[in-house]
Amino acid sequence: MVVANISDFRKDIKSYFDRVSKNFETLIINRGKDSGIVVMSLEEYNSLMATTYELSSRANEKRLDSAIDKLKNGNKFSRDLIEE
C-alpha cells in the first residue's frame, strides 16, 4: 500500500498510476483528517468484486467452502476439453 498526500499525487500522478497498475499496489491519497481516496488497478477491482459476489449469499459461500475442502483433502478431478 502506498500513501500520498494530494499535493505529492498531483505533482507525480503518472508515476503513481504506473506503480498501481504495474505492481498491483493500492494507493491511498490522504485528503486530511479521516478523509481519503483509494486508487487500485482495474484487475484488482474486478477481483474484489468477484470475491464480493461469491460471498454475497450463504449458498455461494457454502459451495466455495465445499470446493476448498475438497481440494485440501485431495478430492480433485479433471476433464478433457471438448474438441469440435
PDB file of N, CA and C in Angstrom:
ATOM      1  N   MET A   1       0.855  -1.176   0.000  1.00  0.00           N
ATOM      2  CA  MET A   1       0.000   0.000   0.000  1.00  0.00           C
ATOM      3  C   MET A   1       0.897   1.233   0.000  1.00  0.00           C
ATOM      4  N   VAL A   2       0.547   2.169  -0.850  1.00  0.00           N
ATOM      5  CA  VAL A   2       1.277   3.433  -0.964  1.00  0.00           C
ATOM      6  C   VAL A   2       0.359   4.532  -0.466  1.00  0.00           C
ATOM      7  N   VAL A   3       0.916   5.448   0.312  1.00  0.00           N
ATOM      8  CA  VAL A   3       0.141   6.581   0.820  1.00  0.00           C
ATOM      9  C   VAL A   3       0.789   7.864   0.323  1.00  0.00           C
ATOM     10  N   ALA A   4      -0.023   8.763  -0.192  1.00  0.00           N
ATOM     11  CA  ALA A   4       0.473  10.062  -0.671  1.00  0.00           C
ATOM     12  C   ALA A   4      -0.526  11.144  -0.289  1.00  0.00           C
ATOM     13  N   ASN A   5      -0.011  12.342  -0.115  1.00  0.00           N
ATOM     14  CA  ASN A   5      -0.950  13.449   0.077  1.00  0.00           C
ATOM     15  C   ASN A   5      -1.325  13.994  -1.296  1.00  0.00           C
ATOM     16  N   ILE A   6      -2.328  14.807  -1.338  1.00  0.00           N
ATOM     17  CA  ILE A   6      -2.875  15.276  -2.612  1.00  0.00           C
ATOM     18  C   ILE A   6      -1.857  16.082  -3.407  1.00  0.00           C
ATOM     19  N   SER A   7      -1.016  16.852  -2.730  1.00  0.00           N
ATOM     20  CA  SER A   7      -0.006  17.665  -3.430  1.00  0.00           C
ATOM     21  C   SER A   7       1.029  16.783  -4.113  1.00  0.00           C
ATOM     22  N   ASP A   8       1.544  15.791  -3.398  1.00  0.00           N
ATOM     23  CA  ASP A   8       2.527  14.878  -3.992  1.00  0.00           C
ATOM     24  C   ASP A   8       1.904  14.092  -5.141  1.00  0.00           C
ATOM     25  N   PHE A   9       0.674  13.666  -4.966  1.00  0.00           N
ATOM     26  CA  PHE A   9      -0.023  12.922  -6.015  1.00  0.00           C
ATOM     27  C   PHE A   9      -0.155  13.770  -7.278  1.00  0.00           C
ATOM     28  N   ARG A  10      -0.565  15.009  -7.112  1.00  0.00           N
ATOM     29  CA  ARG A  10      -0.739  15.912  -8.245  1.00  0.00           C
ATOM     30  C   ARG A  10       0.574  16.142  -8.998  1.00  0.00           C
ATOM     31  N   LYS A  11       1.674  16.252  -8.252  1.00  0.00           N
ATOM     32  CA  LYS A  11       2.982  16.510  -8.867  1.00  0.00           C
ATOM     33  C   LYS A  11       3.464  15.344  -9.722  1.00  0.00           C
ATOM     34  N   ASP A  12       3.117  14.124  -9.320  1.00  0.00           N
ATOM     35  CA  ASP A  12       3.693  12.949  -9.975  1.00  0.00           C
ATOM     36  C   ASP A  12       2.624  11.889 -10.259  1.00  0.00           C
ATOM     37  N   ILE A  13       1.505  12.306 -10.789  1.00  0.00           N
ATOM     38  CA  ILE A  13       0.350  11.424 -10.983  1.00  0.00           C
ATOM     39  C   ILE A  13       0.685  10.212 -11.859  1.00  0.00           C
ATOM     40  N   LYS A  14       1.470  10.418 -12.928  1.00  0.00           N
ATOM     41  CA  LYS A  14       1.786   9.317 -13.834  1.00  0.00           C
ATOM     42  C   LYS A  14       2.559   8.215 -13.115  1.00  0.00           C
ATOM     43  N   SER A  15       3.554   8.558 -12.344  1.00  0.00           N
ATOM     44  CA  SER A  15       4.338   7.511 -11.662  1.00  0.00           C
ATOM     45  C   SER A  15       3.498   6.781 -10.621  1.00  0.00           C
ATOM     46  N   TYR A  16       2.584   7.487  -9.964  1.00  0.00           N
ATOM     47  CA  TYR A  16       1.695   6.818  -9.008  1.00  0.00           C
ATOM     48  C   TYR A  16       0.787   5.829  -9.735  1.00  0.00           C
ATOM     49  N   PHE A  17       0.208   6.246 -10.856  1.00  0.00           N
ATOM     50  CA  PHE A  17      -0.649   5.343 -11.624  1.00  0.00           C
ATOM     51  C   PHE A  17       0.133   4.159 -12.169  1.00  0.00           C
ATOM     52  N   ASP A  18       1.350   4.415 -12.659  1.00  0.00           N
ATOM     53  CA  ASP A  18       2.191   3.313 -13.153  1.00  0.00           C
ATOM     54  C   ASP A  18       2.468   2.310 -12.036  1.00  0.00           C
ATOM     55  N   ARG A  19       2.780   2.805 -10.863  1.00  0.00           N
ATOM     56  CA  ARG A  19       3.073   1.923  -9.721  1.00  0.00           C
ATOM     57  C   ARG A  19       1.862   1.083  -9.339  1.00  0.00           C
ATOM     58  N   VAL A  20       0.691   1.682  -9.352  1.00  0.00           N
ATOM     59  CA  VAL A  20      -0.544   0.967  -9.023  1.00  0.00           C
ATOM     60  C   VAL A  20      -0.824  -0.119 -10.055  1.00  0.00           C
ATOM     61  N   SER A  21      -0.700   0.220 -11.328  1.00  0.00           N
ATOM     62  CA  SER A  21      -1.068  -0.745 -12.363  1.00  0.00           C
ATOM     63  C   SER A  21      -0.015  -1.826 -12.566  1.00  0.00           C
ATOM     64  N   LYS A  22       1.251  -1.502 -12.472  1.00  0.00           N
ATOM     65  CA  LYS A  22       2.310  -2.484 -12.721  1.00  0.00           C
ATOM     66  C   LYS A  22       2.589  -3.387 -11.529  1.00  0.00           C
ATOM     67  N   ASN A  23       2.465  -2.852 -10.334  1.00  0.00           N
ATOM     68  CA  ASN A  23       2.839  -3.597  -9.127  1.00  0.00           C
ATOM     69  C   ASN A  23       1.641  -4.056  -8.301  1.00  0.00           C
ATOM     70  N   PHE A  24       0.439  -3.851  -8.823  1.00  0.00           N
ATOM     71  CA  PHE A  24      -0.792  -4.221  -8.105  1.00  0.00           C
ATOM     72  C   PHE A  24      -0.818  -3.621  -6.701  1.00  0.00           C
ATOM     73  N   GLU A  25      -0.335  -2.398  -6.611  1.00  0.00           N
ATOM     74  CA  GLU A  25      -0.342  -1.697  -5.335  1.00  0.00           C
ATOM     75  C   GLU A  25      -1.663  -0.956  -5.179  1.00  0.00           C
ATOM     76  N   THR A  26      -2.022  -0.693  -3.962  1.00  0.00           N
ATOM     77  CA  THR A  26      -3.181   0.139  -3.662  1.00  0.00           C
ATOM     78  C   THR A  26      -2.652   1.484  -3.193  1.00  0.00           C
ATOM     79  N   LEU A  27      -3.186   2.547  -3.746  1.00  0.00           N
ATOM     80  CA  LEU A  27      -2.750   3.894  -3.404  1.00  0.00           C
ATOM     81  C   LEU A  27      -3.818   4.563  -2.558  1.00  0.00           C
ATOM     82  N   ILE A  28      -3.408   5.105  -1.437  1.00  0.00           N
ATOM     83  CA  ILE A  28      -4.296   5.901  -0.584  1.00  0.00           C
ATOM     84  C   ILE A  28      -3.873   7.353  -0.729  1.00  0.00           C
ATOM     85  N   ILE A  29      -4.783   8.196  -1.182  1.00  0.00           N
ATOM     86  CA  ILE A  29      -4.492   9.628  -1.275  1.00  0.00           C
ATOM     87  C   ILE A  29      -5.146  10.284  -0.063  1.00  0.00           C
ATOM     88  N   ASN A  30      -4.304  10.744   0.832  1.00  0.00           N
ATOM     89  CA  ASN A  30      -4.756  11.356   2.078  1.00  0.00           C
ATOM     90  C   ASN A  30      -5.240  12.772   1.786  1.00  0.00           C
ATOM     91  N   ARG A  31      -6.485  13.049   2.201  1.00  0.00           N
ATOM     92  CA  ARG A  31      -7.065  14.370   1.938  1.00  0.00           C
ATOM     93  C   ARG A  31      -7.348  15.134   3.221  1.00  0.00           C
ATOM     94  N   GLY A  32      -6.720  14.738   4.288  1.00  0.00           N
ATOM     95  CA  GLY A  32      -6.932  15.434   5.550  1.00  0.00           C
ATOM     96  C   GLY A  32      -7.431  14.473   6.604  1.00  0.00           C
ATOM     97  N   LYS A  33      -7.874  15.012   7.697  1.00  0.00           N
ATOM     98  CA  LYS A  33      -8.300  14.201   8.833  1.00  0.00           C
ATOM     99  C   LYS A  33      -9.428  13.243   8.446  1.00  0.00           C
ATOM    100  N   ASP A  34      -9.149  11.950   8.583  1.00  0.00           N
ATOM    101  CA  ASP A  34     -10.135  10.891   8.336  1.00  0.00           C
ATOM    102  C   ASP A  34     -10.788  10.969   6.950  1.00  0.00           C
ATOM    103  N   SER A  35     -10.056  11.460   5.973  1.00  0.00           N
ATOM    104  CA  SER A  35     -10.596  11.568   4.628  1.00  0.00           C
ATOM    105  C   SER A  35      -9.538  11.107   3.637  1.00  0.00           C
ATOM    106  N   GLY A  36      -9.964  10.317   2.661  1.00  0.00           N
ATOM    107  CA  GLY A  36      -9.005   9.849   1.683  1.00  0.00           C
ATOM    108  C   GLY A  36      -9.683   9.187   0.510  1.00  0.00           C
ATOM    109  N   ILE A  37      -8.888   8.891  -0.492  1.00  0.00           N
ATOM    110  CA  ILE A  37      -9.345   8.255  -1.714  1.00  0.00           C
ATOM    111  C   ILE A  37      -8.480   7.020  -1.939  1.00  0.00           C
ATOM    112  N   VAL A  38      -9.094   5.939  -2.405  1.00  0.00           N
ATOM    113  CA  VAL A  38      -8.359   4.710  -2.711  1.00  0.00           C
ATOM    114  C   VAL A  38      -8.292   4.545  -4.224  1.00  0.00           C
ATOM    115  N   VAL A  39      -7.090   4.256  -4.732  1.00  0.00           N
ATOM    116  CA  VAL A  39      -6.886   4.002  -6.152  1.00  0.00           C
ATOM    117  C   VAL A  39      -6.302   2.598  -6.280  1.00  0.00           C
ATOM    118  N   MET A  40      -6.918   1.776  -7.152  1.00  0.00           N
ATOM    119  CA  MET A  40      -6.402   0.427  -7.391  1.00  0.00           C
ATOM    120  C   MET A  40      -6.543   0.103  -8.865  1.00  0.00           C
ATOM    121  N   SER A  41      -5.820  -0.932  -9.289  1.00  0.00           N
ATOM    122  CA  SER A  41      -5.884  -1.322 -10.699  1.00  0.00           C
ATOM    123  C   SER A  41      -7.260  -1.915 -11.007  1.00  0.00           C
ATOM    124  N   LEU A  42      -7.619  -1.882 -12.281  1.00  0.00           N
ATOM    125  CA  LEU A  42      -8.888  -2.468 -12.700  1.00  0.00           C
ATOM    126  C   LEU A  42      -8.908  -3.963 -12.407  1.00  0.00           C
ATOM    127  N   GLU A  43      -7.795  -4.645 -12.619  1.00  0.00           N
ATOM    128  CA  GLU A  43      -7.715  -6.081 -12.349  1.00  0.00           C
ATOM    129  C   GLU A  43      -7.973  -6.381 -10.872  1.00  0.00           C
ATOM    130  N   GLU A  44      -7.382  -5.572  -9.994  1.00  0.00           N
ATOM    131  CA  GLU A  44      -7.599  -5.766  -8.558  1.00  0.00           C
ATOM    132  C   GLU A  44      -9.049  -5.478  -8.179  1.00  0.00           C
ATOM    133  N   TYR A  45      -9.628  -4.436  -8.762  1.00  0.00           N
ATOM    134  CA  TYR A  45     -11.028  -4.094  -8.505  1.00  0.00           C
ATOM    135  C   TYR A  45     -11.957  -5.221  -8.951  1.00  0.00           C
ATOM    136  N   ASN A  46     -11.728  -5.751 -10.169  1.00  0.00           N
ATOM    137  CA  ASN A  46     -12.565  -6.836 -10.669  1.00  0.00           C
ATOM    138  C   ASN A  46     -12.459  -8.070  -9.789  1.00  0.00           C
ATOM    139  N   SER A  47     -11.265  -8.369  -9.308  1.00  0.00           N
ATOM    140  CA  SER A  47     -11.074  -9.499  -8.401  1.00  0.00           C
ATOM    141  C   SER A  47     -11.842  -9.288  -7.103  1.00  0.00           C
ATOM    142  N   LEU A  48     -11.782  -8.087  -6.585  1.00  0.00           N
ATOM    143  CA  LEU A  48     -12.509  -7.757  -5.358  1.00  0.00           C
ATOM    144  C   LEU A  48     -14.018  -7.893  -5.545  1.00  0.00           C
ATOM    145  N   MET A  49     -14.522  -7.431  -6.691  1.00  0.00           N
ATOM    146  CA  MET A  49     -15.952  -7.536  -6.968  1.00  0.00           C
ATOM    147  C   MET A  49     -16.378  -8.996  -7.139  1.00  0.00           C
ATOM    148  N   ALA A  50     -15.531  -9.816  -7.772  1.00  0.00           N
ATOM    149  CA  ALA A  50     -15.841 -11.241  -7.938  1.00  0.00           C
ATOM    150  C   ALA A  50     -15.897 -11.931  -6.577  1.00  0.00           C
ATOM    151  N   THR A  51     -14.966 -11.612  -5.711  1.00  0.00           N
ATOM    152  CA  THR A  51     -14.956 -12.192  -4.369  1.00  0.00           C
ATOM    153  C   THR A  51     -16.186 -11.749  -3.585  1.00  0.00           C
ATOM    154  N   THR A  52     -16.532 -10.491  -3.701  1.00  0.00           N
ATOM    155  CA  THR A  52     -17.723  -9.977  -3.021  1.00  0.00           C
ATOM    156  C   THR A  52     -18.971 -10.713  -3.496  1.00  0.00           C
ATOM    157  N   TYR A  53     -19.076 -10.947  -4.802  1.00  0.00           N
ATOM    158  CA  TYR A  53     -20.221 -11.678  -5.342  1.00  0.00           C
ATOM    159  C   TYR A  53     -20.244 -13.114  -4.817  1.00  0.00           C
ATOM    160  N   GLU A  54     -19.090 -13.776  -4.856  1.00  0.00           N
ATOM    161  CA  GLU A  54     -19.025 -15.169  -4.405  1.00  0.00           C
ATOM    162  C   GLU A  54     -19.440 -15.317  -2.947  1.00  0.00           C
ATOM    163  N   LEU A  55     -19.186 -14.303  -2.158  1.00  0.00           N
ATOM    164  CA  LEU A  55     -19.529 -14.375  -0.734  1.00  0.00           C
ATOM    165  C   LEU A  55     -20.819 -13.629  -0.410  1.00  0.00           C
ATOM    166  N   SER A  56     -21.574 -13.234  -1.448  1.00  0.00           N
ATOM    167  CA  SER A  56     -22.764 -12.408  -1.232  1.00  0.00           C
ATOM    168  C   SER A  56     -23.961 -13.181  -0.692  1.00  0.00           C
ATOM    169  N   SER A  57     -23.976 -14.477  -0.879  1.00  0.00           N
ATOM    170  CA  SER A  57     -25.077 -15.256  -0.324  1.00  0.00           C
ATOM    171  C   SER A  57     -24.501 -16.458   0.424  1.00  0.00           C
ATOM    172  N   ARG A  58     -25.261 -16.942   1.350  1.00  0.00           N
ATOM    173  CA  ARG A  58     -24.810 -18.094   2.146  1.00  0.00           C
ATOM    174  C   ARG A  58     -24.639 -19.334   1.252  1.00  0.00           C
ATOM    175  N   ALA A  59     -25.492 -19.494   0.258  1.00  0.00           N
ATOM    176  CA  ALA A  59     -25.387 -20.647  -0.645  1.00  0.00           C
ATOM    177  C   ALA A  59     -24.071 -20.604  -1.420  1.00  0.00           C
ATOM    178  N   ASN A  60     -23.719 -19.437  -1.963  1.00  0.00           N
ATOM    179  CA  ASN A  60     -22.445 -19.301  -2.677  1.00  0.00           C
ATOM    180  C   ASN A  60     -21.269 -19.581  -1.743  1.00  0.00           C
ATOM    181  N   GLU A  61     -21.356 -19.055  -0.542  1.00  0.00           N
ATOM    182  CA  GLU A  61     -20.285 -19.240   0.437  1.00  0.00           C
ATOM    183  C   GLU A  61     -20.103 -20.723   0.773  1.00  0.00           C
ATOM    184  N   LYS A  62     -21.218 -21.450   0.936  1.00  0.00           N
ATOM    185  CA  LYS A  62     -21.143 -22.888   1.238  1.00  0.00           C
ATOM    186  C   LYS A  62     -20.520 -23.660   0.083  1.00  0.00           C
ATOM    187  N   ARG A  63     -20.906 -23.338  -1.169  1.00  0.00           N
ATOM    188  CA  ARG A  63     -20.323 -24.016  -2.332  1.00  0.00           C
ATOM    189  C   ARG A  63     -18.817 -23.769  -2.411  1.00  0.00           C
ATOM    190  N   LEU A  64     -18.413 -22.547  -2.159  1.00  0.00           N
ATOM    191  CA  LEU A  64     -16.996 -22.211  -2.193  1.00  0.00           C
ATOM    192  C   LEU A  64     -16.233 -22.941  -1.090  1.00  0.00           C
ATOM    193  N   ASP A  65     -16.782 -22.954   0.116  1.00  0.00           N
ATOM    194  CA  ASP A  65     -16.149 -23.675   1.229  1.00  0.00           C
ATOM    195  C   ASP A  65     -16.037 -25.160   0.923  1.00  0.00           C
ATOM    196  N   SER A  66     -17.069 -25.729   0.320  1.00  0.00           N
ATOM    197  CA  SER A  66     -17.057 -27.144  -0.040  1.00  0.00           C
ATOM    198  C   SER A  66     -15.964 -27.440  -1.065  1.00  0.00           C
ATOM    199  N   ALA A  67     -15.841 -26.586  -2.058  1.00  0.00           N
ATOM    200  CA  ALA A  67     -14.806 -26.780  -3.083  1.00  0.00           C
ATOM    201  C   ALA A  67     -13.411 -26.670  -2.476  1.00  0.00           C
ATOM    202  N   ILE A  68     -13.217 -25.732  -1.574  1.00  0.00           N
ATOM    203  CA  ILE A  68     -11.917 -25.575  -0.907  1.00  0.00           C
ATOM    204  C   ILE A  68     -11.601 -26.809  -0.074  1.00  0.00           C
ATOM    205  N   ASP A  69     -12.577 -27.310   0.663  1.00  0.00           N
ATOM    206  CA  ASP A  69     -12.378 -28.521   1.473  1.00  0.00           C
ATOM    207  C   ASP A  69     -12.003 -29.713   0.597  1.00  0.00           C
ATOM    208  N   LYS A  70     -12.681 -29.866  -0.540  1.00  0.00           N
ATOM    209  CA  LYS A  70     -12.377 -30.977  -1.450  1.00  0.00           C
ATOM    210  C   LYS A  70     -10.941 -30.886  -1.956  1.00  0.00           C
ATOM    211  N   LEU A  71     -10.509 -29.704  -2.313  1.00  0.00           N
ATOM    212  CA  LEU A  71      -9.133 -29.537  -2.792  1.00  0.00           C
ATOM    213  C   LEU A  71      -8.121 -29.839  -1.688  1.00  0.00           C
ATOM    214  N   LYS A  72      -8.404 -29.381  -0.474  1.00  0.00           N
ATOM    215  CA  LYS A  72      -7.491 -29.632   0.647  1.00  0.00           C
ATOM    216  C   LYS A  72      -7.384 -31.114   0.960  1.00  0.00           C
ATOM    217  N   ASN A  73      -8.464 -31.856   0.764  1.00  0.00           N
ATOM    218  CA  ASN A  73      -8.485 -33.289   1.065  1.00  0.00           C
ATOM    219  C   ASN A  73      -8.039 -34.145  -0.114  1.00  0.00           C
ATOM    220  N   GLY A  74      -7.603 -33.497  -1.172  1.00  0.00           N
ATOM    221  CA  GLY A  74      -7.110 -34.242  -2.326  1.00  0.00           C
ATOM    222  C   GLY A  74      -8.188 -34.781  -3.239  1.00  0.00           C
ATOM    223  N   ASN A  75      -9.410 -34.362  -3.080  1.00  0.00           N
ATOM    224  CA  ASN A  75     -10.516 -34.808  -3.940  1.00  0.00           C
ATOM    225  C   ASN A  75     -10.556 -33.941  -5.197  1.00  0.00           C
ATOM    226  N   LYS A  76      -9.654 -34.234  -6.117  1.00  0.00           N
ATOM    227  CA  LYS A  76      -9.577 -33.453  -7.354  1.00  0.00           C
ATOM    228  C   LYS A  76     -10.079 -34.289  -8.520  1.00  0.00           C
ATOM    229  N   PHE A  77     -10.477 -33.637  -9.554  1.00  0.00           N
ATOM    230  CA  PHE A  77     -10.842 -34.344 -10.774  1.00  0.00           C
ATOM    231  C   PHE A  77     -10.475 -33.471 -11.958  1.00  0.00           C
ATOM    232  N   SER A  78     -10.320 -34.093 -13.088  1.00  0.00           N
ATOM    233  CA  SER A  78     -10.038 -33.329 -14.297  1.00  0.00           C
ATOM    234  C   SER A  78     -10.936 -33.823 -15.417  1.00  0.00           C
ATOM    235  N   ARG A  79     -11.141 -32.959 -16.367  1.00  0.00           N
ATOM    236  CA  ARG A  79     -11.975 -33.293 -17.519  1.00  0.00           C
ATOM    237  C   ARG A  79     -11.253 -32.843 -18.770  1.00  0.00           C
ATOM    238  N   ASP A  80     -11.441 -33.607 -19.831  1.00  0.00           N
ATOM    239  CA  ASP A  80     -10.877 -33.213 -21.113  1.00  0.00           C
ATOM    240  C   ASP A  80     -11.750 -32.156 -21.749  1.00  0.00           C
ATOM    241  N   LEU A  81     -11.115 -31.265 -22.478  1.00  0.00           N
ATOM    242  CA  LEU A  81     -11.857 -30.242 -23.190  1.00  0.00           C
ATOM    243  C   LEU A  81     -12.568 -30.877 -24.391  1.00  0.00           C
ATOM    244  N   ILE A  82     -13.707 -30.371 -24.709  1.00  0.00           N
ATOM    245  CA  ILE A  82     -14.453 -30.847 -25.866  1.00  0.00           C
ATOM    246  C   ILE A  82     -13.847 -30.207 -27.106  1.00  0.00           C
ATOM    247  N   GLU A  83     -13.494 -31.055 -28.054  1.00  0.00           N
ATOM    248  CA  GLU A  83     -12.943 -30.531 -29.294  1.00  0.00           C
ATOM    249  C   GLU A  83     -14.018 -30.613 -30.371  1.00  0.00           C
ATOM    250  N   GLU A  84     -14.115 -29.577 -31.153  1.00  0.00           N
ATOM    251  CA  GLU A  84     -15.118 -29.521 -32.209  1.00  0.00           C
ATOM    252  C   GLU A  84     -14.497 -29.759 -33.555  1.00  0.00           C
TER     253      GLU A  84
END
